[in-house]
Amino acid sequence: MNFELELSKGEFSIPECTICKKIVWPPVEFCNYCFGSVSLKKGNFEGKIIEFSRHDEDYFCIVEFENTIKIMAKILKIPEKGQKVKISKCGISNGNYYFYVN
């Protein structure tokens, strides 16, 4: 399991325990619940905006995936709380994760 390698390729994956199926966040090699190994679940995941903010002309939001994972993402249109979104772009720049949703 290498979450950062996949993210650097522009792929968002959800780390999941192979034994208890618990979502493991932040991503690590072993489950913090049962110590099972973690694999990456790939897909086009839908999340929900739970908060958002505006800075100048840019909007940023906190998006929750799988009722567990929360990430900060940039959105190009005016967001609404509860709005369903998907990751449109992601990666690593200067050692920092970035996410865009639409």
PDB file of N, CA and C in Angstrom:
ATOM      1  N   MET A   1       0.853  -1.173   0.000  1.00  0.00           N
ATOM      2  CA  MET A   1       0.000   0.000   0.000  1.00  0.00           C
ATOM      3  C   MET A   1       0.895   1.231   0.000  1.00  0.00           C
ATOM      4  N   ASN A   2       0.719   2.096  -0.981  1.00  0.00           N
ATOM      5  CA  ASN A   2       1.478   3.332  -1.000  1.00  0.00           C
ATOM      6  C   ASN A   2       0.569   4.467  -1.463  1.00  0.00           C
ATOM      7  N   PHE A   3      -0.120   5.063  -0.491  1.00  0.00           N
ATOM      8  CA  PHE A   3      -1.071   6.132  -0.750  1.00  0.00           C
ATOM      9  C   PHE A   3      -0.402   7.297  -1.476  1.00  0.00           C
ATOM     10  N   GLU A   4       0.781   7.703  -1.020  1.00  0.00           N
ATOM     11  CA  GLU A   4       1.452   8.855  -1.618  1.00  0.00           C
ATOM     12  C   GLU A   4       1.882   8.588  -3.060  1.00  0.00           C
ATOM     13  N   LEU A   5       2.286   7.389  -3.376  1.00  0.00           N
ATOM     14  CA  LEU A   5       2.654   7.063  -4.750  1.00  0.00           C
ATOM     15  C   LEU A   5       1.446   7.226  -5.671  1.00  0.00           C
ATOM     16  N   GLU A   6       0.301   6.699  -5.258  1.00  0.00           N
ATOM     17  CA  GLU A   6      -0.916   6.827  -6.053  1.00  0.00           C
ATOM     18  C   GLU A   6      -1.347   8.286  -6.167  1.00  0.00           C
ATOM     19  N   LEU A   7      -1.258   9.026  -5.059  1.00  0.00           N
ATOM     20  CA  LEU A   7      -1.635  10.432  -5.080  1.00  0.00           C
ATOM     21  C   LEU A   7      -0.730  11.225  -6.015  1.00  0.00           C
ATOM     22  N   SER A   8       0.558  10.902  -6.023  1.00  0.00           N
ATOM     23  CA  SER A   8       1.492  11.604  -6.911  1.00  0.00           C
ATOM     24  C   SER A   8       1.180  11.340  -8.385  1.00  0.00           C
ATOM     25  N   LYS A   9       0.460  10.250  -8.672  1.00  0.00           N
ATOM     26  CA  LYS A   9       0.022   9.940 -10.037  1.00  0.00           C
ATOM     27  C   LYS A   9      -1.333  10.578 -10.353  1.00  0.00           C
ATOM     28  N   GLY A  10      -1.889  11.325  -9.381  1.00  0.00           N
ATOM     29  CA  GLY A  10      -3.195  11.945  -9.580  1.00  0.00           C
ATOM     30  C   GLY A  10      -4.359  11.039  -9.269  1.00  0.00           C
ATOM     31  N   GLU A  11      -4.110   9.963  -8.517  1.00  0.00           N
ATOM     32  CA  GLU A  11      -5.155   8.999  -8.161  1.00  0.00           C
ATOM     33  C   GLU A  11      -5.455   9.060  -6.663  1.00  0.00           C
ATOM     34  N   PHE A  12      -6.731   9.286  -6.311  1.00  0.00           N
ATOM     35  CA  PHE A  12      -7.149   9.268  -4.914  1.00  0.00           C
ATOM     36  C   PHE A  12      -7.676   7.881  -4.596  1.00  0.00           C
ATOM     37  N   SER A  13      -7.119   7.256  -3.569  1.00  0.00           N
ATOM     38  CA  SER A  13      -7.536   5.930  -3.130  1.00  0.00           C
ATOM     39  C   SER A  13      -7.877   5.990  -1.650  1.00  0.00           C
ATOM     40  N   ILE A  14      -8.730   5.088  -1.222  1.00  0.00           N
ATOM     41  CA  ILE A  14      -9.115   5.042   0.189  1.00  0.00           C
ATOM     42  C   ILE A  14      -8.445   3.839   0.840  1.00  0.00           C
ATOM     43  N   PRO A  15      -7.626   4.077   1.884  1.00  0.00           N
ATOM     44  CA  PRO A  15      -6.966   2.976   2.579  1.00  0.00           C
ATOM     45  C   PRO A  15      -7.969   2.194   3.440  1.00  0.00           C
ATOM     46  N   GLU A  16      -7.982   0.884   3.249  1.00  0.00           N
ATOM     47  CA  GLU A  16      -8.936   0.038   3.957  1.00  0.00           C
ATOM     48  C   GLU A  16      -8.230  -1.206   4.482  1.00  0.00           C
ATOM     49  N   CYS A  17      -8.560  -1.601   5.706  1.00  0.00           N
ATOM     50  CA  CYS A  17      -7.970  -2.802   6.310  1.00  0.00           C
ATOM     51  C   CYS A  17      -8.459  -4.039   5.558  1.00  0.00           C
ATOM     52  N   THR A  18      -7.534  -4.941   5.251  1.00  0.00           N
ATOM     53  CA  THR A  18      -7.900  -6.163   4.536  1.00  0.00           C
ATOM     54  C   THR A  18      -8.613  -7.163   5.439  1.00  0.00           C
ATOM     55  N   ILE A  19      -8.514  -6.976   6.760  1.00  0.00           N
ATOM     56  CA  ILE A  19      -9.139  -7.914   7.695  1.00  0.00           C
ATOM     57  C   ILE A  19     -10.493  -7.412   8.198  1.00  0.00           C
ATOM     58  N   CYS A  20     -10.506  -6.240   8.863  1.00  0.00           N
ATOM     59  CA  CYS A  20     -11.751  -5.748   9.467  1.00  0.00           C
ATOM     60  C   CYS A  20     -12.520  -4.777   8.575  1.00  0.00           C
ATOM     61  N   LYS A  21     -11.943  -4.397   7.431  1.00  0.00           N
ATOM     62  CA  LYS A  21     -12.567  -3.514   6.438  1.00  0.00           C
ATOM     63  C   LYS A  21     -12.769  -2.077   6.929  1.00  0.00           C
ATOM     64  N   LYS A  22     -12.117  -1.712   8.020  1.00  0.00           N
ATOM     65  CA  LYS A  22     -12.199  -0.348   8.545  1.00  0.00           C
ATOM     66  C   LYS A  22     -11.382   0.591   7.662  1.00  0.00           C
ATOM     67  N   ILE A  23     -11.901   1.809   7.424  1.00  0.00           N
ATOM     68  CA  ILE A  23     -11.154   2.842   6.713  1.00  0.00           C
ATOM     69  C   ILE A  23     -10.030   3.302   7.635  1.00  0.00           C
ATOM     70  N   VAL A  24      -8.824   3.394   7.103  1.00  0.00           N
ATOM     71  CA  VAL A  24      -7.650   3.769   7.899  1.00  0.00           C
ATOM     72  C   VAL A  24      -7.207   5.162   7.458  1.00  0.00           C
ATOM     73  N   TRP A  25      -7.429   6.149   8.316  1.00  0.00           N
ATOM     74  CA  TRP A  25      -7.073   7.536   7.994  1.00  0.00           C
ATOM     75  C   TRP A  25      -6.494   8.205   9.218  1.00  0.00           C
ATOM     76  N   PRO A  26      -5.354   8.827   9.133  1.00  0.00           N
ATOM     77  CA  PRO A  26      -4.546   9.016   7.943  1.00  0.00           C
ATOM     78  C   PRO A  26      -3.960   7.686   7.453  1.00  0.00           C
ATOM     79  N   PRO A  27      -3.581   7.648   6.169  1.00  0.00           N
ATOM     80  CA  PRO A  27      -3.106   6.403   5.571  1.00  0.00           C
ATOM     81  C   PRO A  27      -1.816   5.899   6.209  1.00  0.00           C
ATOM     82  N   VAL A  28      -1.841   4.655   6.659  1.00  0.00           N
ATOM     83  CA  VAL A  28      -0.663   3.974   7.196  1.00  0.00           C
ATOM     84  C   VAL A  28      -0.694   2.532   6.717  1.00  0.00           C
ATOM     85  N   GLU A  29       0.390   1.813   6.925  1.00  0.00           N
ATOM     86  CA  GLU A  29       0.513   0.436   6.414  1.00  0.00           C
ATOM     87  C   GLU A  29      -0.330  -0.584   7.181  1.00  0.00           C
ATOM     88  N   PHE A  30      -0.604  -0.316   8.484  1.00  0.00           N
ATOM     89  CA  PHE A  30      -1.329  -1.281   9.307  1.00  0.00           C
ATOM     90  C   PHE A  30      -2.533  -0.628   9.969  1.00  0.00           C
ATOM     91  N   CYS A  31      -3.606  -1.388  10.095  1.00  0.00           N
ATOM     92  CA  CYS A  31      -4.847  -0.921  10.703  1.00  0.00           C
ATOM     93  C   CYS A  31      -4.618  -0.547  12.165  1.00  0.00           C
ATOM     94  N   ASN A  32      -5.109   0.607  12.545  1.00  0.00           N
ATOM     95  CA  ASN A  32      -4.959   1.041  13.936  1.00  0.00           C
ATOM     96  C   ASN A  32      -6.014   0.419  14.846  1.00  0.00           C
ATOM     97  N   TYR A  33      -6.871  -0.424  14.313  1.00  0.00           N
ATOM     98  CA  TYR A  33      -7.879  -1.109  15.103  1.00  0.00           C
ATOM     99  C   TYR A  33      -7.507  -2.573  15.356  1.00  0.00           C
ATOM    100  N   CYS A  34      -7.169  -3.307  14.266  1.00  0.00           N
ATOM    101  CA  CYS A  34      -6.886  -4.741  14.419  1.00  0.00           C
ATOM    102  C   CYS A  34      -5.458  -5.123  14.007  1.00  0.00           C
ATOM    103  N   PHE A  35      -4.670  -4.149  13.562  1.00  0.00           N
ATOM    104  CA  PHE A  35      -3.283  -4.350  13.125  1.00  0.00           C
ATOM    105  C   PHE A  35      -3.157  -5.180  11.845  1.00  0.00           C
ATOM    106  N   GLY A  36      -4.274  -5.312  11.099  1.00  0.00           N
ATOM    107  CA  GLY A  36      -4.226  -5.977   9.807  1.00  0.00           C
ATOM    108  C   GLY A  36      -3.532  -5.104   8.775  1.00  0.00           C
ATOM    109  N   SER A  37      -3.175  -5.684   7.658  1.00  0.00           N
ATOM    110  CA  SER A  37      -2.531  -4.891   6.601  1.00  0.00           C
ATOM    111  C   SER A  37      -3.590  -4.052   5.883  1.00  0.00           C
ATOM    112  N   VAL A  38      -3.132  -2.980   5.287  1.00  0.00           N
ATOM    113  CA  VAL A  38      -4.023  -2.024   4.634  1.00  0.00           C
ATOM    114  C   VAL A  38      -3.794  -2.068   3.125  1.00  0.00           C
ATOM    115  N   SER A  39      -4.878  -2.052   2.369  1.00  0.00           N
ATOM    116  CA  SER A  39      -4.783  -1.971   0.915  1.00  0.00           C
ATOM    117  C   SER A  39      -5.532  -0.721   0.461  1.00  0.00           C
ATOM    118  N   LEU A  40      -5.306  -0.336  -0.776  1.00  0.00           N
ATOM    119  CA  LEU A  40      -5.955   0.857  -1.313  1.00  0.00           C
ATOM    120  C   LEU A  40      -7.164   0.480  -2.148  1.00  0.00           C
ATOM    121  N   LYS A  41      -8.289   1.062  -1.797  1.00  0.00           N
ATOM    122  CA  LYS A  41      -9.535   0.869  -2.531  1.00  0.00           C
ATOM    123  C   LYS A  41      -9.619   2.008  -3.549  1.00  0.00           C
ATOM    124  N   LYS A  42      -9.662   1.652  -4.833  1.00  0.00           N
ATOM    125  CA  LYS A  42      -9.702   2.659  -5.894  1.00  0.00           C
ATOM    126  C   LYS A  42     -11.130   2.863  -6.368  1.00  0.00           C
ATOM    127  N   GLY A  43     -11.389   4.055  -6.864  1.00  0.00           N
ATOM    128  CA  GLY A  43     -12.717   4.348  -7.381  1.00  0.00           C
ATOM    129  C   GLY A  43     -12.900   5.834  -7.591  1.00  0.00           C
ATOM    130  N   ASN A  44     -14.068   6.196  -8.034  1.00  0.00           N
ATOM    131  CA  ASN A  44     -14.442   7.581  -8.248  1.00  0.00           C
ATOM    132  C   ASN A  44     -15.399   7.955  -7.114  1.00  0.00           C
ATOM    133  N   PHE A  45     -14.854   8.224  -5.938  1.00  0.00           N
ATOM    134  CA  PHE A  45     -15.623   8.368  -4.713  1.00  0.00           C
ATOM    135  C   PHE A  45     -16.382   9.691  -4.652  1.00  0.00           C
ATOM    136  N   GLU A  46     -17.582   9.622  -4.107  1.00  0.00           N
ATOM    137  CA  GLU A  46     -18.388  10.814  -3.913  1.00  0.00           C
ATOM    138  C   GLU A  46     -18.293  11.236  -2.455  1.00  0.00           C
ATOM    139  N   GLY A  47     -18.080  12.526  -2.235  1.00  0.00           N
ATOM    140  CA  GLY A  47     -18.005  13.070  -0.891  1.00  0.00           C
ATOM    141  C   GLY A  47     -19.051  14.146  -0.701  1.00  0.00           C
ATOM    142  N   LYS A  48     -19.118  14.665   0.523  1.00  0.00           N
ATOM    143  CA  LYS A  48     -20.105  15.679   0.871  1.00  0.00           C
ATOM    144  C   LYS A  48     -19.386  16.872   1.490  1.00  0.00           C
ATOM    145  N   ILE A  49     -19.713  18.074   1.021  1.00  0.00           N
ATOM    146  CA  ILE A  49     -19.135  19.289   1.595  1.00  0.00           C
ATOM    147  C   ILE A  49     -19.754  19.513   2.972  1.00  0.00           C
ATOM    148  N   ILE A  50     -18.890  19.618   3.998  1.00  0.00           N
ATOM    149  CA  ILE A  50     -19.413  19.860   5.342  1.00  0.00           C
ATOM    150  C   ILE A  50     -19.134  21.284   5.832  1.00  0.00           C
ATOM    151  N   GLU A  51     -18.155  21.950   5.235  1.00  0.00           N
ATOM    152  CA  GLU A  51     -17.839  23.348   5.533  1.00  0.00           C
ATOM    153  C   GLU A  51     -17.172  23.954   4.317  1.00  0.00           C
ATOM    154  N   PHE A  52     -17.233  25.283   4.198  1.00  0.00           N
ATOM    155  CA  PHE A  52     -16.487  25.938   3.138  1.00  0.00           C
ATOM    156  C   PHE A  52     -16.155  27.367   3.539  1.00  0.00           C
ATOM    157  N   SER A  53     -15.202  27.935   2.810  1.00  0.00           N
ATOM    158  CA  SER A  53     -14.732  29.282   3.072  1.00  0.00           C
ATOM    159  C   SER A  53     -14.306  29.907   1.749  1.00  0.00           C
ATOM    160  N   ARG A  54     -14.229  31.219   1.754  1.00  0.00           N
ATOM    161  CA  ARG A  54     -13.803  31.938   0.549  1.00  0.00           C
ATOM    162  C   ARG A  54     -12.621  32.822   0.892  1.00  0.00           C
ATOM    163  N   HIS A  55     -11.630  32.826   0.020  1.00  0.00           N
ATOM    164  CA  HIS A  55     -10.481  33.721   0.148  1.00  0.00           C
ATOM    165  C   HIS A  55     -10.294  34.394  -1.200  1.00  0.00           C
ATOM    166  N   ASP A  56     -10.473  35.702  -1.240  1.00  0.00           N
ATOM    167  CA  ASP A  56     -10.483  36.453  -2.495  1.00  0.00           C
ATOM    168  C   ASP A  56     -11.510  35.821  -3.432  1.00  0.00           C
ATOM    169  N   GLU A  57     -11.094  35.317  -4.561  1.00  0.00           N
ATOM    170  CA  GLU A  57     -12.024  34.704  -5.513  1.00  0.00           C
ATOM    171  C   GLU A  57     -12.059  33.183  -5.413  1.00  0.00           C
ATOM    172  N   ASP A  58     -11.272  32.617  -4.497  1.00  0.00           N
ATOM    173  CA  ASP A  58     -11.169  31.161  -4.376  1.00  0.00           C
ATOM    174  C   ASP A  58     -12.062  30.620  -3.267  1.00  0.00           C
ATOM    175  N   TYR A  59     -12.645  29.450  -3.514  1.00  0.00           N
ATOM    176  CA  TYR A  59     -13.447  28.747  -2.508  1.00  0.00           C
ATOM    177  C   TYR A  59     -12.711  27.481  -2.093  1.00  0.00           C
ATOM    178  N   PHE A  60     -12.707  27.231  -0.791  1.00  0.00           N
ATOM    179  CA  PHE A  60     -12.109  26.026  -0.221  1.00  0.00           C
ATOM    180  C   PHE A  60     -13.168  25.335   0.617  1.00  0.00           C
ATOM    181  N   CYS A  61     -13.136  24.016   0.648  1.00  0.00           N
ATOM    182  CA  CYS A  61     -14.146  23.298   1.410  1.00  0.00           C
ATOM    183  C   CYS A  61     -13.544  22.085   2.112  1.00  0.00           C
ATOM    184  N   ILE A  62     -14.213  21.685   3.171  1.00  0.00           N
ATOM    185  CA  ILE A  62     -13.899  20.431   3.847  1.00  0.00           C
ATOM    186  C   ILE A  62     -14.893  19.408   3.297  1.00  0.00           C
ATOM    187  N   VAL A  63     -14.350  18.339   2.748  1.00  0.00           N
ATOM    188  CA  VAL A  63     -15.176  17.297   2.130  1.00  0.00           C
ATOM    189  C   VAL A  63     -14.989  16.007   2.923  1.00  0.00           C
ATOM    190  N   GLU A  64     -16.103  15.344   3.220  1.00  0.00           N
ATOM    191  CA  GLU A  64     -16.068  14.073   3.942  1.00  0.00           C
ATOM    192  C   GLU A  64     -16.384  12.935   2.991  1.00  0.00           C
ATOM    193  N   PHE A  65     -15.524  11.904   3.022  1.00  0.00           N
ATOM    194  CA  PHE A  65     -15.707  10.692   2.222  1.00  0.00           C
ATOM    195  C   PHE A  65     -15.908   9.504   3.157  1.00  0.00           C
ATOM    196  N   GLU A  66     -16.794   8.601   2.761  1.00  0.00           N
ATOM    197  CA  GLU A  66     -17.017   7.342   3.488  1.00  0.00           C
ATOM    198  C   GLU A  66     -17.359   7.579   4.963  1.00  0.00           C
ATOM    199  N   ASN A  67     -17.965   8.719   5.285  1.00  0.00           N
ATOM    200  CA  ASN A  67     -18.322   9.081   6.670  1.00  0.00           C
ATOM    201  C   ASN A  67     -17.130   9.050   7.617  1.00  0.00           C
ATOM    202  N   THR A  68     -15.912   9.165   7.079  1.00  0.00           N
ATOM    203  CA  THR A  68     -14.706   9.033   7.893  1.00  0.00           C
ATOM    204  C   THR A  68     -13.626  10.033   7.510  1.00  0.00           C
ATOM    205  N   ILE A  69     -13.266  10.053   6.242  1.00  0.00           N
ATOM    206  CA  ILE A  69     -12.132  10.834   5.763  1.00  0.00           C
ATOM    207  C   ILE A  69     -12.565  12.271   5.503  1.00  0.00           C
ATOM    208  N   LYS A  70     -11.804  13.215   6.039  1.00  0.00           N
ATOM    209  CA  LYS A  70     -12.064  14.624   5.770  1.00  0.00           C
ATOM    210  C   LYS A  70     -10.828  15.232   5.134  1.00  0.00           C
ATOM    211  N   ILE A  71     -11.032  15.899   3.992  1.00  0.00           N
ATOM    212  CA  ILE A  71      -9.927  16.568   3.305  1.00  0.00           C
ATOM    213  C   ILE A  71     -10.325  18.010   3.006  1.00  0.00           C
ATOM    214  N   MET A  72      -9.324  18.861   2.834  1.00  0.00           N
ATOM    215  CA  MET A  72      -9.573  20.221   2.390  1.00  0.00           C
ATOM    216  C   MET A  72      -9.316  20.259   0.888  1.00  0.00           C
ATOM    217  N   ALA A  73     -10.243  20.861   0.158  1.00  0.00           N
ATOM    218  CA  ALA A  73     -10.136  20.893  -1.302  1.00  0.00           C
ATOM    219  C   ALA A  73     -10.541  22.258  -1.829  1.00  0.00           C
ATOM    220  N   LYS A  74     -10.046  22.561  -3.002  1.00  0.00           N
ATOM    221  CA  LYS A  74     -10.442  23.772  -3.700  1.00  0.00           C
ATOM    222  C   LYS A  74     -11.585  23.417  -4.633  1.00  0.00           C
ATOM    223  N   ILE A  75     -12.554  24.322  -4.733  1.00  0.00           N
ATOM    224  CA  ILE A  75     -13.686  24.118  -5.635  1.00  0.00           C
ATOM    225  C   ILE A  75     -13.822  25.378  -6.485  1.00  0.00           C
ATOM    226  N   LEU A  76     -14.116  25.206  -7.757  1.00  0.00           N
ATOM    227  CA  LEU A  76     -14.106  26.327  -8.692  1.00  0.00           C
ATOM    228  C   LEU A  76     -15.441  27.060  -8.799  1.00  0.00           C
ATOM    229  N   LYS A  77     -16.497  26.519  -8.207  1.00  0.00           N
ATOM    230  CA  LYS A  77     -17.794  27.205  -8.224  1.00  0.00           C
ATOM    231  C   LYS A  77     -18.260  27.421  -6.790  1.00  0.00           C
ATOM    232  N   ILE A  78     -19.298  28.207  -6.611  1.00  0.00           N
ATOM    233  CA  ILE A  78     -19.790  28.515  -5.270  1.00  0.00           C
ATOM    234  C   ILE A  78     -20.337  27.228  -4.640  1.00  0.00           C
ATOM    235  N   PRO A  79     -19.750  26.822  -3.500  1.00  0.00           N
ATOM    236  CA  PRO A  79     -20.186  25.570  -2.859  1.00  0.00           C
ATOM    237  C   PRO A  79     -21.401  25.765  -1.957  1.00  0.00           C
ATOM    238  N   GLU A  80     -22.014  24.651  -1.601  1.00  0.00           N
ATOM    239  CA  GLU A  80     -23.110  24.628  -0.641  1.00  0.00           C
ATOM    240  C   GLU A  80     -22.865  23.501   0.348  1.00  0.00           C
ATOM    241  N   LYS A  81     -23.204  23.723   1.609  1.00  0.00           N
ATOM    242  CA  LYS A  81     -23.103  22.637   2.595  1.00  0.00           C
ATOM    243  C   LYS A  81     -24.004  21.498   2.166  1.00  0.00           C
ATOM    244  N   GLY A  82     -23.485  20.281   2.291  1.00  0.00           N
ATOM    245  CA  GLY A  82     -24.241  19.100   1.917  1.00  0.00           C
ATOM    246  C   GLY A  82     -24.124  18.726   0.451  1.00  0.00           C
ATOM    247  N   GLN A  83     -23.512  19.587  -0.341  1.00  0.00           N
ATOM    248  CA  GLN A  83     -23.352  19.328  -1.777  1.00  0.00           C
ATOM    249  C   GLN A  83     -22.493  18.088  -1.997  1.00  0.00           C
ATOM    250  N   LYS A  84     -22.897  17.242  -2.925  1.00  0.00           N
ATOM    251  CA  LYS A  84     -22.133  16.049  -3.291  1.00  0.00           C
ATOM    252  C   LYS A  84     -21.091  16.442  -4.328  1.00  0.00           C
ATOM    253  N   VAL A  85     -19.849  15.996  -4.123  1.00  0.00           N
ATOM    254  CA  VAL A  85     -18.745  16.320  -5.031  1.00  0.00           C
ATOM    255  C   VAL A  85     -17.862  15.098  -5.228  1.00  0.00           C
ATOM    256  N   LYS A  86     -17.050  15.163  -6.277  1.00  0.00           N
ATOM    257  CA  LYS A  86     -16.042  14.138  -6.542  1.00  0.00           C
ATOM    258  C   LYS A  86     -14.711  14.834  -6.765  1.00  0.00           C
ATOM    259  N   ILE A  87     -13.635  14.141  -6.496  1.00  0.00           N
ATOM    260  CA  ILE A  87     -12.307  14.706  -6.725  1.00  0.00           C
ATOM    261  C   ILE A  87     -12.058  14.774  -8.224  1.00  0.00           C
ATOM    262  N   SER A  88     -11.731  15.964  -8.699  1.00  0.00           N
ATOM    263  CA  SER A  88     -11.464  16.148 -10.124  1.00  0.00           C
ATOM    264  C   SER A  88      -9.967  16.175 -10.412  1.00  0.00           C
ATOM    265  N   LYS A  89      -9.177  16.530  -9.412  1.00  0.00           N
ATOM    266  CA  LYS A  89      -7.725  16.598  -9.578  1.00  0.00           C
ATOM    267  C   LYS A  89      -7.096  16.486  -8.196  1.00  0.00           C
ATOM    268  N   CYS A  90      -5.981  15.762  -8.119  1.00  0.00           N
ATOM    269  CA  CYS A  90      -5.266  15.648  -6.849  1.00  0.00           C
ATOM    270  C   CYS A  90      -3.809  15.339  -7.133  1.00  0.00           C
ATOM    271  N   GLY A  91      -2.984  15.511  -6.126  1.00  0.00           N
ATOM    272  CA  GLY A  91      -1.576  15.226  -6.293  1.00  0.00           C
ATOM    273  C   GLY A  91      -0.759  15.708  -5.112  1.00  0.00           C
ATOM    274  N   ILE A  92       0.534  15.799  -5.327  1.00  0.00           N
ATOM    275  CA  ILE A  92       1.467  16.281  -4.310  1.00  0.00           C
ATOM    276  C   ILE A  92       2.326  17.356  -4.962  1.00  0.00           C
ATOM    277  N   SER A  93       2.410  18.517  -4.312  1.00  0.00           N
ATOM    278  CA  SER A  93       3.223  19.620  -4.810  1.00  0.00           C
ATOM    279  C   SER A  93       4.059  20.165  -3.656  1.00  0.00           C
ATOM    280  N   ASN A  94       5.364  20.199  -3.845  1.00  0.00           N
ATOM    281  CA  ASN A  94       6.284  20.675  -2.800  1.00  0.00           C
ATOM    282  C   ASN A  94       6.063  19.942  -1.475  1.00  0.00           C
ATOM    283  N   GLY A  95       5.776  18.660  -1.552  1.00  0.00           N
ATOM    284  CA  GLY A  95       5.589  17.845  -0.356  1.00  0.00           C
ATOM    285  C   GLY A  95       4.217  17.948   0.284  1.00  0.00           C
ATOM    286  N   ASN A  96       3.304  18.723  -0.303  1.00  0.00           N
ATOM    287  CA  ASN A  96       1.958  18.903   0.248  1.00  0.00           C
ATOM    288  C   ASN A  96       0.912  18.269  -0.657  1.00  0.00           C
ATOM    289  N   TYR A  97      -0.091  17.650  -0.049  1.00  0.00           N
ATOM    290  CA  TYR A  97      -1.209  17.090  -0.800  1.00  0.00           C
ATOM    291  C   TYR A  97      -2.086  18.231  -1.289  1.00  0.00           C
ATOM    292  N   TYR A  98      -2.694  18.067  -2.469  1.00  0.00           N
ATOM    293  CA  TYR A  98      -3.711  19.025  -2.913  1.00  0.00           C
ATOM    294  C   TYR A  98      -4.859  18.266  -3.565  1.00  0.00           C
ATOM    295  N   PHE A  99      -6.047  18.852  -3.442  1.00  0.00           N
ATOM    296  CA  PHE A  99      -7.258  18.246  -3.972  1.00  0.00           C
ATOM    297  C   PHE A  99      -8.152  19.325  -4.564  1.00  0.00           C
ATOM    298  N   TYR A 100      -8.754  19.027  -5.702  1.00  0.00           N
ATOM    299  CA  TYR A 100      -9.787  19.859  -6.317  1.00  0.00           C
ATOM    300  C   TYR A 100     -11.022  18.997  -6.429  1.00  0.00           C
ATOM    301  N   VAL A 101     -12.190  19.599  -6.188  1.00  0.00           N
ATOM    302  CA  VAL A 101     -13.453  18.864  -6.326  1.00  0.00           C
ATOM    303  C   VAL A 101     -14.391  19.634  -7.247  1.00  0.00           C
ATOM    304  N   ASN A 102     -15.343  18.901  -7.799  1.00  0.00           N
ATOM    305  CA  ASN A 102     -16.398  19.545  -8.588  1.00  0.00           C
ATOM    306  C   ASN A 102     -17.704  18.796  -8.402  1.00  0.00           C
TER     307      ASN A 102
END
